[in-house]
């Protein structure tokens, strides 16, 4: 069984609607290449953005009223931000939603990209997009949990240090969860990501 098949076997397929959360909702597309060692698409957010400038993130964004499902949001955002034709994304499943420190419920939608495509980057959102081997995120020497305190509350925040990038927060949590599924990495995130930190 290859890596993508292992991921697909362990993830539930997408639901038809959003859950009944009272939190603002968003979705990201975790896009994986169809190689023996899949590569994951990531982007570097532009420096002028108010939230998370310069950080590494997945394509994605807030739910819009017309978005019937998390997949609709994730695919719409990926098309807008990196020019991914929606027809190239073959759903593999969804990770459980994660709640960010800003109170958003983020739905990670995991898909295989069925053909090569040339990114068309929306420079209002990303400075650049790039791929990294998913197996890199299973390497213990590049992963750490960092204790952070915000508003008097302590939380453990995952970080990856790869190629001079610090990939952290929800993006790092999603990558660690996928590494646990795909490569049995055994990372303990020491937090219930379904609840506010």
N, C-alpha and C. Protein backbone atom coordinates (compact mmCIF):
# COMPACT_ATOMS: atom_id res chain seq x y z
N UNK A 1 0.85 -1.18 0.00
CA UNK A 1 0.00 0.00 0.00
C UNK A 1 0.89 1.24 0.00
N UNK A 2 0.57 2.22 -0.86
CA UNK A 2 1.40 3.43 -0.88
C UNK A 2 0.91 4.43 0.16
N UNK A 3 1.64 5.55 0.26
CA UNK A 3 1.35 6.54 1.29
C UNK A 3 -0.03 7.15 1.12
N UNK A 4 -0.40 7.51 -0.10
CA UNK A 4 -1.72 8.13 -0.31
C UNK A 4 -2.85 7.16 0.03
N UNK A 5 -2.66 5.89 -0.31
CA UNK A 5 -3.68 4.90 0.04
C UNK A 5 -3.79 4.75 1.56
N UNK A 6 -2.66 4.79 2.25
CA UNK A 6 -2.68 4.70 3.72
C UNK A 6 -3.43 5.89 4.32
N UNK A 7 -3.19 7.07 3.78
CA UNK A 7 -3.91 8.26 4.27
C UNK A 7 -5.40 8.12 4.00
N UNK A 8 -5.75 7.72 2.77
CA UNK A 8 -7.16 7.61 2.41
C UNK A 8 -7.89 6.58 3.27
N UNK A 9 -7.21 5.48 3.61
CA UNK A 9 -7.84 4.43 4.42
C UNK A 9 -8.12 4.90 5.84
N UNK A 10 -7.33 5.85 6.34
CA UNK A 10 -7.48 6.25 7.74
C UNK A 10 -8.28 7.54 7.95
N UNK A 11 -8.56 8.25 6.87
CA UNK A 11 -9.32 9.51 7.01
C UNK A 11 -10.76 9.30 6.59
N UNK A 12 -11.70 9.88 7.35
CA UNK A 12 -13.09 9.84 6.89
C UNK A 12 -13.26 10.74 5.68
N UNK A 13 -14.13 10.34 4.78
CA UNK A 13 -14.42 11.18 3.62
C UNK A 13 -15.22 12.40 4.04
N UNK A 14 -15.22 13.37 3.18
CA UNK A 14 -15.85 14.64 3.49
C UNK A 14 -17.33 14.48 3.75
N UNK A 15 -17.82 15.26 4.71
CA UNK A 15 -19.25 15.33 4.94
C UNK A 15 -19.89 16.25 3.91
N UNK A 16 -21.19 16.23 3.85
CA UNK A 16 -21.89 17.05 2.86
C UNK A 16 -22.13 18.47 3.32
N UNK A 17 -22.00 18.72 4.62
CA UNK A 17 -22.27 20.06 5.15
C UNK A 17 -21.25 20.41 6.22
N UNK A 18 -21.26 21.66 6.62
CA UNK A 18 -20.46 22.10 7.75
C UNK A 18 -21.09 21.55 9.02
N UNK A 19 -20.29 21.42 10.08
CA UNK A 19 -20.88 21.00 11.35
C UNK A 19 -21.61 22.19 11.96
N UNK A 20 -22.25 21.98 13.08
CA UNK A 20 -23.05 23.03 13.70
C UNK A 20 -22.28 23.93 14.64
N UNK A 21 -21.02 24.17 14.39
CA UNK A 21 -20.19 24.97 15.28
C UNK A 21 -20.68 26.41 15.37
N UNK A 22 -20.50 27.00 16.56
CA UNK A 22 -20.82 28.43 16.72
C UNK A 22 -19.59 29.30 16.47
N UNK A 23 -18.46 28.68 16.13
CA UNK A 23 -17.22 29.41 15.84
C UNK A 23 -17.19 29.81 14.36
N UNK A 24 -16.47 30.89 14.03
CA UNK A 24 -16.26 31.17 12.62
C UNK A 24 -15.47 30.02 12.00
N UNK A 25 -15.79 29.68 10.75
CA UNK A 25 -15.21 28.49 10.14
C UNK A 25 -14.36 28.83 8.92
N UNK A 26 -13.38 27.97 8.69
CA UNK A 26 -12.47 28.11 7.55
C UNK A 26 -12.08 26.70 7.11
N UNK A 27 -11.48 26.62 5.92
CA UNK A 27 -10.99 25.34 5.43
C UNK A 27 -9.69 25.57 4.67
N UNK A 28 -8.83 24.57 4.73
CA UNK A 28 -7.57 24.60 3.98
C UNK A 28 -7.48 23.35 3.12
N UNK A 29 -6.76 23.47 2.00
CA UNK A 29 -6.53 22.32 1.14
C UNK A 29 -5.12 21.81 1.38
N UNK A 30 -5.03 20.58 1.85
CA UNK A 30 -3.74 19.92 2.04
C UNK A 30 -3.53 19.09 0.78
N UNK A 31 -2.83 19.70 -0.18
CA UNK A 31 -2.69 19.12 -1.52
C UNK A 31 -1.40 18.31 -1.60
N UNK A 32 -1.54 17.03 -1.96
CA UNK A 32 -0.40 16.11 -2.03
C UNK A 32 -0.20 15.62 -3.46
N UNK A 33 1.05 15.58 -3.89
CA UNK A 33 1.35 15.04 -5.21
C UNK A 33 1.19 13.53 -5.21
N UNK A 34 0.99 12.94 -6.39
CA UNK A 34 0.79 11.50 -6.50
C UNK A 34 2.11 10.80 -6.82
N UNK A 35 3.10 11.01 -5.97
CA UNK A 35 4.40 10.37 -6.11
C UNK A 35 4.56 9.31 -5.03
N UNK A 36 5.57 8.44 -5.19
CA UNK A 36 5.82 7.42 -4.17
C UNK A 36 6.07 8.08 -2.81
N UNK A 37 6.81 9.18 -2.82
CA UNK A 37 6.97 10.03 -1.64
C UNK A 37 6.23 11.33 -1.95
N UNK A 38 4.99 11.45 -1.49
CA UNK A 38 4.20 12.63 -1.84
C UNK A 38 4.85 13.92 -1.37
N UNK A 39 4.63 14.96 -2.15
CA UNK A 39 5.06 16.30 -1.78
C UNK A 39 3.80 17.09 -1.44
N UNK A 40 3.92 17.97 -0.45
CA UNK A 40 2.77 18.76 0.00
C UNK A 40 2.98 20.21 -0.46
N UNK A 41 1.89 20.80 -0.98
CA UNK A 41 1.93 22.18 -1.45
C UNK A 41 1.74 23.13 -0.28
N UNK A 42 2.64 24.12 -0.18
CA UNK A 42 2.58 25.14 0.87
C UNK A 42 2.83 26.50 0.24
N UNK A 43 2.43 27.54 0.93
CA UNK A 43 2.69 28.89 0.45
C UNK A 43 3.26 29.76 1.54
N UNK A 44 4.01 30.78 1.14
CA UNK A 44 4.53 31.77 2.07
C UNK A 44 3.64 33.00 1.97
N UNK A 45 2.94 33.30 3.06
CA UNK A 45 1.99 34.42 3.05
C UNK A 45 2.72 35.75 2.85
N UNK A 46 2.06 36.66 2.16
CA UNK A 46 2.69 37.95 1.88
C UNK A 46 2.92 38.72 3.18
N UNK A 47 3.91 39.57 3.16
CA UNK A 47 4.33 40.31 4.36
C UNK A 47 3.34 41.41 4.75
N UNK A 48 2.49 41.86 3.81
CA UNK A 48 1.58 42.96 4.12
C UNK A 48 0.29 42.51 4.79
N UNK A 49 0.07 41.19 4.89
CA UNK A 49 -1.18 40.71 5.49
C UNK A 49 -1.23 41.03 6.98
N UNK A 50 -2.42 41.31 7.45
CA UNK A 50 -2.61 41.67 8.86
C UNK A 50 -2.40 40.46 9.78
N UNK A 51 -2.86 39.29 9.34
CA UNK A 51 -2.73 38.08 10.16
C UNK A 51 -1.69 37.15 9.54
N UNK A 52 -0.75 36.70 10.34
CA UNK A 52 0.26 35.71 9.96
C UNK A 52 1.10 36.11 8.75
N UNK A 53 1.59 37.36 8.69
CA UNK A 53 2.42 37.76 7.54
C UNK A 53 3.71 36.95 7.47
N UNK A 54 4.09 36.56 6.26
CA UNK A 54 5.34 35.85 6.04
C UNK A 54 5.37 34.40 6.49
N UNK A 55 4.28 33.92 7.07
CA UNK A 55 4.27 32.54 7.57
C UNK A 55 3.95 31.54 6.47
N UNK A 56 4.36 30.30 6.70
CA UNK A 56 4.06 29.22 5.77
C UNK A 56 2.69 28.65 6.13
N UNK A 57 1.86 28.46 5.10
CA UNK A 57 0.48 28.01 5.32
C UNK A 57 -0.01 27.21 4.12
N UNK A 58 -1.13 26.55 4.31
CA UNK A 58 -1.83 25.89 3.21
C UNK A 58 -2.71 26.91 2.50
N UNK A 59 -3.04 26.67 1.23
CA UNK A 59 -4.09 27.48 0.61
C UNK A 59 -5.39 27.26 1.38
N UNK A 60 -6.12 28.32 1.59
CA UNK A 60 -7.38 28.18 2.31
C UNK A 60 -7.86 29.52 2.83
N UNK A 61 -9.00 29.49 3.49
CA UNK A 61 -9.54 30.73 4.02
C UNK A 61 -10.91 30.55 4.63
N UNK A 62 -11.54 31.67 4.90
CA UNK A 62 -12.83 31.69 5.58
C UNK A 62 -13.95 31.13 4.72
N UNK A 63 -14.88 30.52 5.39
CA UNK A 63 -16.11 30.04 4.75
C UNK A 63 -16.91 31.24 4.25
N UNK A 64 -17.37 31.15 3.02
CA UNK A 64 -18.26 32.16 2.46
C UNK A 64 -19.68 31.61 2.46
N UNK A 65 -20.69 32.50 2.45
CA UNK A 65 -22.09 32.02 2.52
C UNK A 65 -22.44 30.99 1.46
N UNK A 66 -21.83 31.10 0.27
CA UNK A 66 -22.17 30.16 -0.81
C UNK A 66 -21.45 28.82 -0.69
N UNK A 67 -20.52 28.68 0.26
CA UNK A 67 -19.75 27.44 0.41
C UNK A 67 -20.54 26.42 1.21
N UNK A 68 -21.08 25.42 0.51
CA UNK A 68 -21.94 24.43 1.17
C UNK A 68 -21.16 23.47 2.05
N UNK A 69 -19.87 23.25 1.76
CA UNK A 69 -19.06 22.28 2.50
C UNK A 69 -17.65 22.84 2.71
N UNK A 70 -16.90 22.24 3.64
CA UNK A 70 -15.49 22.63 3.77
C UNK A 70 -14.73 22.46 2.46
N UNK A 71 -15.04 21.41 1.70
CA UNK A 71 -14.35 21.18 0.43
C UNK A 71 -14.61 22.32 -0.55
N UNK A 72 -15.82 22.85 -0.55
CA UNK A 72 -16.12 23.98 -1.43
C UNK A 72 -15.23 25.17 -1.08
N UNK A 73 -15.06 25.44 0.21
CA UNK A 73 -14.19 26.54 0.64
C UNK A 73 -12.75 26.26 0.26
N UNK A 74 -12.26 25.06 0.60
CA UNK A 74 -10.85 24.73 0.35
C UNK A 74 -10.51 24.79 -1.14
N UNK A 75 -11.37 24.24 -1.98
CA UNK A 75 -11.10 24.24 -3.42
C UNK A 75 -11.22 25.64 -4.02
N UNK A 76 -12.21 26.40 -3.57
CA UNK A 76 -12.35 27.78 -4.07
C UNK A 76 -11.11 28.59 -3.72
N UNK A 77 -10.67 28.48 -2.47
CA UNK A 77 -9.50 29.25 -2.03
C UNK A 77 -8.23 28.80 -2.76
N UNK A 78 -8.06 27.50 -2.97
CA UNK A 78 -6.87 27.01 -3.67
C UNK A 78 -6.85 27.48 -5.11
N UNK A 79 -8.02 27.54 -5.74
CA UNK A 79 -8.10 28.06 -7.10
C UNK A 79 -7.74 29.54 -7.12
N UNK A 80 -8.29 30.30 -6.18
CA UNK A 80 -8.02 31.75 -6.12
C UNK A 80 -6.57 32.05 -5.76
N UNK A 81 -6.01 31.32 -4.80
CA UNK A 81 -4.70 31.69 -4.25
C UNK A 81 -3.51 31.13 -5.03
N UNK A 82 -3.66 29.90 -5.56
CA UNK A 82 -2.50 29.28 -6.24
C UNK A 82 -2.84 28.77 -7.64
N UNK A 83 -4.06 29.03 -8.12
CA UNK A 83 -4.43 28.64 -9.47
C UNK A 83 -4.64 27.16 -9.68
N UNK A 84 -4.95 26.43 -8.62
CA UNK A 84 -5.18 24.98 -8.75
C UNK A 84 -6.54 24.73 -9.40
N UNK A 85 -6.58 24.08 -10.57
CA UNK A 85 -7.89 23.71 -11.14
C UNK A 85 -8.58 22.71 -10.21
N UNK A 86 -9.80 23.03 -9.80
CA UNK A 86 -10.51 22.19 -8.82
C UNK A 86 -10.62 20.74 -9.28
N UNK A 87 -10.70 20.51 -10.58
CA UNK A 87 -10.83 19.15 -11.09
C UNK A 87 -9.61 18.28 -10.89
N UNK A 88 -8.48 18.87 -10.52
CA UNK A 88 -7.26 18.08 -10.29
C UNK A 88 -7.16 17.56 -8.86
N UNK A 89 -8.04 18.00 -7.97
CA UNK A 89 -7.98 17.61 -6.56
C UNK A 89 -8.90 16.42 -6.31
N UNK A 90 -8.31 15.27 -6.04
CA UNK A 90 -9.06 14.05 -5.73
C UNK A 90 -9.13 13.91 -4.20
N UNK A 91 -10.31 14.09 -3.60
CA UNK A 91 -10.40 14.03 -2.14
C UNK A 91 -9.93 12.69 -1.58
N UNK A 92 -9.10 12.77 -0.54
CA UNK A 92 -8.68 11.57 0.19
C UNK A 92 -9.42 11.48 1.52
N UNK A 93 -9.80 12.62 2.08
CA UNK A 93 -10.51 12.64 3.35
C UNK A 93 -10.25 13.92 4.10
N UNK A 94 -10.80 14.00 5.30
CA UNK A 94 -10.64 15.19 6.13
C UNK A 94 -10.05 14.81 7.48
N UNK A 95 -9.14 15.66 7.96
CA UNK A 95 -8.72 15.58 9.35
C UNK A 95 -9.79 16.25 10.20
N UNK A 96 -9.83 15.95 11.47
CA UNK A 96 -10.79 16.62 12.36
C UNK A 96 -10.49 18.11 12.39
N UNK A 97 -11.52 18.94 12.53
CA UNK A 97 -11.29 20.38 12.60
C UNK A 97 -10.39 20.75 13.77
N UNK A 98 -9.61 21.81 13.58
CA UNK A 98 -8.71 22.32 14.61
C UNK A 98 -9.12 23.75 14.94
N UNK A 99 -9.09 24.11 16.21
CA UNK A 99 -9.45 25.45 16.63
C UNK A 99 -8.18 26.26 16.84
N UNK A 100 -8.11 27.42 16.20
CA UNK A 100 -6.94 28.28 16.28
C UNK A 100 -6.99 29.15 17.53
N UNK A 101 -5.88 29.81 17.82
CA UNK A 101 -5.83 30.72 18.97
C UNK A 101 -6.73 31.94 18.76
N UNK A 102 -7.08 32.23 17.49
CA UNK A 102 -7.97 33.35 17.20
C UNK A 102 -9.43 32.91 17.17
N UNK A 103 -9.70 31.64 17.48
CA UNK A 103 -11.07 31.17 17.61
C UNK A 103 -11.71 30.61 16.36
N UNK A 104 -10.95 30.46 15.28
CA UNK A 104 -11.49 29.86 14.05
C UNK A 104 -11.47 28.34 14.15
N UNK A 105 -12.48 27.70 13.59
CA UNK A 105 -12.50 26.26 13.43
C UNK A 105 -12.05 25.97 11.99
N UNK A 106 -10.85 25.37 11.85
CA UNK A 106 -10.26 25.13 10.54
C UNK A 106 -10.44 23.67 10.16
N UNK A 107 -11.00 23.44 8.97
CA UNK A 107 -11.22 22.09 8.45
C UNK A 107 -10.15 21.76 7.42
N UNK A 108 -9.22 20.82 7.72
CA UNK A 108 -8.20 20.42 6.74
C UNK A 108 -8.75 19.36 5.79
N UNK A 109 -8.80 19.69 4.51
CA UNK A 109 -9.28 18.80 3.46
C UNK A 109 -8.06 18.26 2.71
N UNK A 110 -7.85 16.95 2.77
CA UNK A 110 -6.64 16.33 2.21
C UNK A 110 -6.98 15.75 0.84
N UNK A 111 -6.18 16.13 -0.17
CA UNK A 111 -6.46 15.70 -1.55
C UNK A 111 -5.18 15.32 -2.26
N UNK A 112 -5.32 14.39 -3.20
CA UNK A 112 -4.23 14.06 -4.12
C UNK A 112 -4.42 14.91 -5.37
N UNK A 113 -3.34 15.48 -5.85
CA UNK A 113 -3.38 16.29 -7.08
C UNK A 113 -3.04 15.35 -8.23
N UNK A 114 -4.00 15.15 -9.11
CA UNK A 114 -3.93 14.05 -10.08
C UNK A 114 -3.09 14.34 -11.32
N UNK A 115 -2.66 15.58 -11.51
CA UNK A 115 -1.82 15.91 -12.67
C UNK A 115 -0.97 17.12 -12.32
N UNK A 116 0.17 17.27 -12.99
CA UNK A 116 1.00 18.46 -12.72
C UNK A 116 0.23 19.73 -13.09
N UNK A 117 0.52 20.79 -12.36
CA UNK A 117 -0.05 22.09 -12.72
C UNK A 117 0.97 23.16 -12.40
N UNK A 118 0.87 24.26 -13.10
CA UNK A 118 1.76 25.39 -12.87
C UNK A 118 1.03 26.39 -12.00
N UNK A 119 1.53 26.63 -10.78
CA UNK A 119 0.83 27.56 -9.89
C UNK A 119 0.75 28.96 -10.49
N UNK A 120 -0.38 29.60 -10.25
CA UNK A 120 -0.57 31.02 -10.58
C UNK A 120 -0.87 31.68 -9.23
N UNK A 121 0.14 32.34 -8.68
CA UNK A 121 0.07 32.82 -7.30
C UNK A 121 -0.64 34.17 -7.22
N UNK A 122 -1.64 34.25 -6.35
CA UNK A 122 -2.28 35.52 -6.04
C UNK A 122 -1.37 36.24 -5.06
N UNK A 123 -0.66 37.25 -5.52
CA UNK A 123 0.34 37.92 -4.69
C UNK A 123 -0.27 38.77 -3.58
N UNK A 124 -1.59 38.89 -3.57
CA UNK A 124 -2.24 39.53 -2.41
C UNK A 124 -2.27 38.58 -1.23
N UNK A 125 -2.12 37.27 -1.49
CA UNK A 125 -2.19 36.25 -0.45
C UNK A 125 -0.83 35.60 -0.15
N UNK A 126 -0.12 35.22 -1.22
CA UNK A 126 1.14 34.50 -1.05
C UNK A 126 2.26 35.19 -1.83
N UNK A 127 3.45 35.22 -1.23
CA UNK A 127 4.64 35.65 -1.96
C UNK A 127 5.09 34.56 -2.91
N UNK A 128 4.94 33.31 -2.47
CA UNK A 128 5.39 32.18 -3.29
C UNK A 128 4.69 30.92 -2.81
N UNK A 129 4.71 29.89 -3.67
CA UNK A 129 4.26 28.56 -3.27
C UNK A 129 5.38 27.58 -3.60
N UNK A 130 5.42 26.49 -2.85
CA UNK A 130 6.48 25.51 -3.02
C UNK A 130 5.99 24.17 -2.49
N UNK A 131 6.76 23.12 -2.73
CA UNK A 131 6.43 21.80 -2.20
C UNK A 131 7.57 21.29 -1.34
N UNK A 132 7.21 20.47 -0.38
CA UNK A 132 8.18 19.75 0.45
C UNK A 132 7.71 18.31 0.55
N UNK A 133 8.65 17.38 0.64
CA UNK A 133 8.29 15.98 0.81
C UNK A 133 7.54 15.78 2.12
N UNK A 134 6.41 15.09 2.06
CA UNK A 134 5.64 14.84 3.28
C UNK A 134 6.46 14.09 4.31
N UNK A 135 7.39 13.24 3.86
CA UNK A 135 8.21 12.46 4.79
C UNK A 135 9.10 13.34 5.65
N UNK A 136 9.42 14.56 5.20
CA UNK A 136 10.24 15.47 6.02
C UNK A 136 9.55 15.77 7.34
N UNK A 137 8.21 15.77 7.32
CA UNK A 137 7.46 16.13 8.52
C UNK A 137 7.33 14.98 9.51
N UNK A 138 7.92 13.84 9.17
CA UNK A 138 7.99 12.70 10.11
C UNK A 138 9.34 12.64 10.81
N UNK A 139 10.26 13.53 10.46
CA UNK A 139 11.61 13.52 11.03
C UNK A 139 11.60 14.19 12.40
N UNK A 140 12.00 13.44 13.42
CA UNK A 140 11.98 13.95 14.79
C UNK A 140 12.88 15.15 15.01
N UNK A 141 14.01 15.20 14.30
CA UNK A 141 14.98 16.28 14.54
C UNK A 141 14.49 17.64 14.05
N UNK A 142 13.44 17.70 13.25
CA UNK A 142 12.95 18.99 12.77
C UNK A 142 11.66 19.42 13.48
N UNK A 143 11.17 18.59 14.41
CA UNK A 143 9.90 18.85 15.10
C UNK A 143 10.16 19.20 16.56
N UNK A 144 9.38 20.15 17.07
CA UNK A 144 9.43 20.44 18.51
C UNK A 144 8.08 21.01 18.95
N UNK A 145 7.81 20.88 20.24
CA UNK A 145 6.68 21.56 20.86
C UNK A 145 7.24 22.69 21.70
N UNK A 146 6.63 23.86 21.59
CA UNK A 146 7.10 25.02 22.32
C UNK A 146 5.99 25.52 23.23
N UNK A 147 6.33 25.76 24.48
CA UNK A 147 5.35 26.26 25.45
C UNK A 147 5.14 27.75 25.20
N UNK A 148 3.88 28.14 25.02
CA UNK A 148 3.54 29.55 24.82
C UNK A 148 2.45 29.94 25.79
N UNK A 149 2.50 31.18 26.23
CA UNK A 149 1.47 31.70 27.12
C UNK A 149 0.83 32.90 26.46
N UNK A 150 -0.49 32.85 26.36
CA UNK A 150 -1.24 33.97 25.78
C UNK A 150 -2.47 34.21 26.65
N UNK A 151 -2.67 35.45 27.03
CA UNK A 151 -3.80 35.82 27.89
C UNK A 151 -3.84 34.95 29.15
N UNK A 152 -2.67 34.65 29.69
CA UNK A 152 -2.58 33.88 30.92
C UNK A 152 -2.79 32.39 30.76
N UNK A 153 -2.98 31.92 29.53
CA UNK A 153 -3.22 30.50 29.30
C UNK A 153 -2.01 29.89 28.62
N UNK A 154 -1.60 28.75 29.14
CA UNK A 154 -0.45 28.04 28.57
C UNK A 154 -0.93 27.04 27.53
N UNK A 155 -0.17 26.92 26.44
CA UNK A 155 -0.48 25.90 25.44
C UNK A 155 0.81 25.44 24.80
N UNK A 156 0.78 24.24 24.28
CA UNK A 156 1.93 23.68 23.59
C UNK A 156 1.68 23.86 22.09
N UNK A 157 2.66 24.46 21.41
CA UNK A 157 2.51 24.80 20.00
C UNK A 157 3.55 24.03 19.19
N UNK A 158 3.10 23.26 18.18
CA UNK A 158 4.05 22.52 17.34
C UNK A 158 4.81 23.43 16.38
N UNK A 159 6.06 23.08 16.15
CA UNK A 159 6.92 23.82 15.22
C UNK A 159 7.74 22.81 14.41
N UNK A 160 7.97 23.14 13.15
CA UNK A 160 8.94 22.44 12.31
C UNK A 160 9.98 23.45 11.86
N UNK A 161 11.25 23.09 11.98
CA UNK A 161 12.34 23.89 11.44
C UNK A 161 12.91 23.15 10.24
N UNK A 162 12.53 23.59 9.05
CA UNK A 162 12.93 22.93 7.80
C UNK A 162 13.40 23.98 6.81
N UNK A 163 14.60 23.80 6.30
CA UNK A 163 15.13 24.68 5.25
C UNK A 163 14.99 26.16 5.61
N UNK A 164 15.39 26.50 6.82
CA UNK A 164 15.35 27.89 7.32
C UNK A 164 13.94 28.44 7.49
N UNK A 165 12.95 27.58 7.48
CA UNK A 165 11.58 28.00 7.75
C UNK A 165 11.13 27.47 9.10
N UNK A 166 10.38 28.29 9.82
CA UNK A 166 9.71 27.85 11.04
C UNK A 166 8.23 27.72 10.69
N UNK A 167 7.78 26.49 10.51
CA UNK A 167 6.38 26.20 10.20
C UNK A 167 5.72 25.84 11.52
N UNK A 168 4.69 26.57 11.92
CA UNK A 168 4.17 26.37 13.26
C UNK A 168 2.64 26.49 13.30
N UNK A 169 2.11 26.31 14.51
CA UNK A 169 0.68 26.45 14.75
C UNK A 169 -0.15 25.39 14.07
N UNK A 170 -1.32 25.81 13.54
CA UNK A 170 -2.26 24.87 12.93
C UNK A 170 -1.61 24.17 11.74
N UNK A 171 -0.83 24.91 10.93
CA UNK A 171 -0.18 24.28 9.77
C UNK A 171 0.72 23.15 10.24
N UNK A 172 1.53 23.39 11.26
CA UNK A 172 2.42 22.35 11.79
C UNK A 172 1.62 21.20 12.41
N UNK A 173 0.53 21.52 13.09
CA UNK A 173 -0.29 20.46 13.70
C UNK A 173 -0.86 19.54 12.63
N UNK A 174 -1.37 20.13 11.54
CA UNK A 174 -1.92 19.32 10.44
C UNK A 174 -0.83 18.43 9.84
N UNK A 175 0.35 18.99 9.62
CA UNK A 175 1.46 18.21 9.05
C UNK A 175 1.89 17.09 9.99
N UNK A 176 1.92 17.36 11.28
CA UNK A 176 2.28 16.32 12.25
C UNK A 176 1.23 15.21 12.28
N UNK A 177 -0.04 15.58 12.22
CA UNK A 177 -1.11 14.58 12.19
C UNK A 177 -1.00 13.70 10.94
N UNK A 178 -0.70 14.33 9.80
CA UNK A 178 -0.53 13.55 8.57
C UNK A 178 0.70 12.66 8.65
N UNK A 179 1.79 13.15 9.25
CA UNK A 179 2.99 12.33 9.42
C UNK A 179 2.70 11.13 10.32
N UNK A 180 1.86 11.33 11.33
CA UNK A 180 1.47 10.21 12.19
C UNK A 180 0.70 9.16 11.41
N UNK A 181 -0.18 9.61 10.51
CA UNK A 181 -0.98 8.68 9.71
C UNK A 181 -0.14 7.99 8.64
N UNK A 182 0.63 8.78 7.90
CA UNK A 182 1.35 8.25 6.74
C UNK A 182 2.60 7.48 7.11
N UNK A 183 3.28 7.91 8.18
CA UNK A 183 4.60 7.33 8.50
C UNK A 183 4.70 6.84 9.93
N UNK A 184 3.58 6.81 10.66
CA UNK A 184 3.58 6.36 12.05
C UNK A 184 4.64 7.11 12.85
N UNK A 185 4.67 8.44 12.70
CA UNK A 185 5.71 9.27 13.31
C UNK A 185 5.61 9.32 14.84
N UNK A 186 4.42 9.14 15.37
CA UNK A 186 4.26 9.08 16.83
C UNK A 186 4.37 10.42 17.53
N UNK A 187 4.08 11.52 16.85
CA UNK A 187 4.15 12.83 17.49
C UNK A 187 2.95 13.03 18.42
N UNK A 188 3.22 13.46 19.65
CA UNK A 188 2.18 13.77 20.62
C UNK A 188 2.04 15.29 20.65
N UNK A 189 0.91 15.79 20.21
CA UNK A 189 0.71 17.24 20.14
C UNK A 189 0.30 17.85 21.47
N UNK A 190 0.03 17.02 22.47
CA UNK A 190 -0.25 17.47 23.84
C UNK A 190 -1.32 18.56 23.92
N UNK A 191 -2.33 18.40 23.09
CA UNK A 191 -3.41 19.37 23.13
C UNK A 191 -4.62 18.77 22.41
N UNK A 192 -5.80 19.09 22.91
CA UNK A 192 -7.04 18.75 22.20
C UNK A 192 -7.32 19.90 21.23
N UNK A 193 -7.07 19.68 19.95
CA UNK A 193 -7.20 20.74 18.95
C UNK A 193 -8.66 21.03 18.59
N UNK A 194 -9.59 20.27 19.17
CA UNK A 194 -11.01 20.56 18.92
C UNK A 194 -11.53 21.67 19.84
N UNK A 195 -10.70 22.07 20.81
CA UNK A 195 -11.11 23.10 21.77
C UNK A 195 -10.21 24.30 21.62
N UNK A 196 -10.72 25.46 22.03
CA UNK A 196 -9.91 26.68 22.01
C UNK A 196 -8.71 26.50 22.92
N UNK A 197 -7.53 27.00 22.49
CA UNK A 197 -6.34 26.86 23.34
C UNK A 197 -6.45 27.71 24.60
